[in-house]
Amino acid sequence: MTKTAKISRRGFFVGAATVGAAAVGAVIAPSMRPEPAAEPVAKPAPKKGGGYSVTDHVKRYYKSTLV
């Protein structure tokens, strides 16, 4: 065997491995794409004020102030 035959055979296997890895990546990539998150729906503001409401954020704050 000549040196060029070994190099071309090696190049063939490297190329085949690269094509195989690219094919696997093309199959897996669409399933890894995150779904768009739904935007939170805000409550309408009250007409006469009084917009305070106990939310999870408020509950966490009150819990953090306990001694």
Protein backbone atom coordinates (compact mmCIF):
# COMPACT_ATOMS: atom_id res chain seq x y z
CA MET A 1 0.00 0.00 0.00
CA THR A 2 1.16 3.47 -0.70
CA LYS A 3 1.04 6.43 1.61
CA THR A 4 -1.64 8.17 -0.47
CA ALA A 5 -3.92 5.14 -0.21
CA LYS A 6 -3.75 5.23 3.59
CA ILE A 7 -4.38 8.95 3.69
CA SER A 8 -7.38 8.76 1.39
CA ARG A 9 -8.81 5.80 3.33
CA ARG A 10 -8.34 7.71 6.59
CA GLY A 11 -9.95 10.77 5.03
CA PHE A 12 -12.89 8.66 3.91
CA PHE A 13 -13.53 7.39 7.45
CA VAL A 14 -13.13 10.84 8.96
CA GLY A 15 -15.57 12.20 6.40
CA ALA A 16 -18.03 9.39 7.06
CA ALA A 17 -17.87 10.04 10.81
CA THR A 18 -18.43 13.75 10.22
CA VAL A 19 -21.45 13.11 8.02
CA GLY A 20 -22.87 10.69 10.58
CA ALA A 21 -22.45 13.21 13.41
CA ALA A 22 -24.09 15.92 11.30
CA ALA A 23 -27.04 13.63 10.53
CA VAL A 24 -27.54 12.88 14.23
CA GLY A 25 -27.35 16.59 15.02
CA ALA A 26 -29.93 17.40 12.36
CA VAL A 27 -32.33 14.84 13.82
CA ILE A 28 -31.87 15.92 17.44
CA ALA A 29 -31.72 19.71 16.98
CA PRO A 30 -35.47 20.33 16.37
CA SER A 31 -36.44 18.48 19.54
CA MET A 32 -34.06 20.62 21.62
CA ARG A 33 -35.69 23.88 20.58
CA PRO A 34 -37.59 25.39 23.56
CA GLU A 35 -41.25 26.13 23.14
CA PRO A 36 -42.21 29.80 23.35
CA ALA A 37 -43.46 30.69 26.81
CA ALA A 38 -46.99 32.00 27.13
CA GLU A 39 -47.09 35.62 28.22
CA PRO A 40 -48.69 36.18 31.62
CA VAL A 41 -52.12 37.74 31.52
CA ALA A 42 -52.32 40.85 33.69
CA LYS A 43 -55.46 41.57 35.69
CA PRO A 44 -57.25 44.75 34.66
CA ALA A 45 -56.68 47.69 37.00
CA PRO A 46 -59.60 48.50 39.32
CA LYS A 47 -61.59 51.58 38.36
CA LYS A 48 -61.59 53.16 41.85
CA GLY A 49 -58.09 52.27 42.93
CA GLY A 50 -57.45 49.59 45.52
CA GLY A 51 -55.06 47.72 43.26
CA TYR A 52 -53.40 45.86 46.16
CA SER A 53 -53.68 42.11 46.01
CA VAL A 54 -51.87 39.33 47.83
CA THR A 55 -49.71 37.62 45.24
CA ASP A 56 -46.94 35.05 45.57
CA HIS A 57 -44.43 37.89 45.52
CA VAL A 58 -46.15 39.63 48.45
CA LYS A 59 -46.39 36.37 50.39
CA ARG A 60 -42.66 35.77 49.92
CA TYR A 61 -41.91 39.27 51.17
CA TYR A 62 -44.02 38.86 54.30
CA LYS A 63 -42.40 35.46 54.95
CA SER A 64 -38.94 37.05 54.68
CA THR A 65 -39.79 39.66 57.34
CA LEU A 66 -40.67 37.11 60.03
CA VAL A 67 -38.21 37.02 62.89
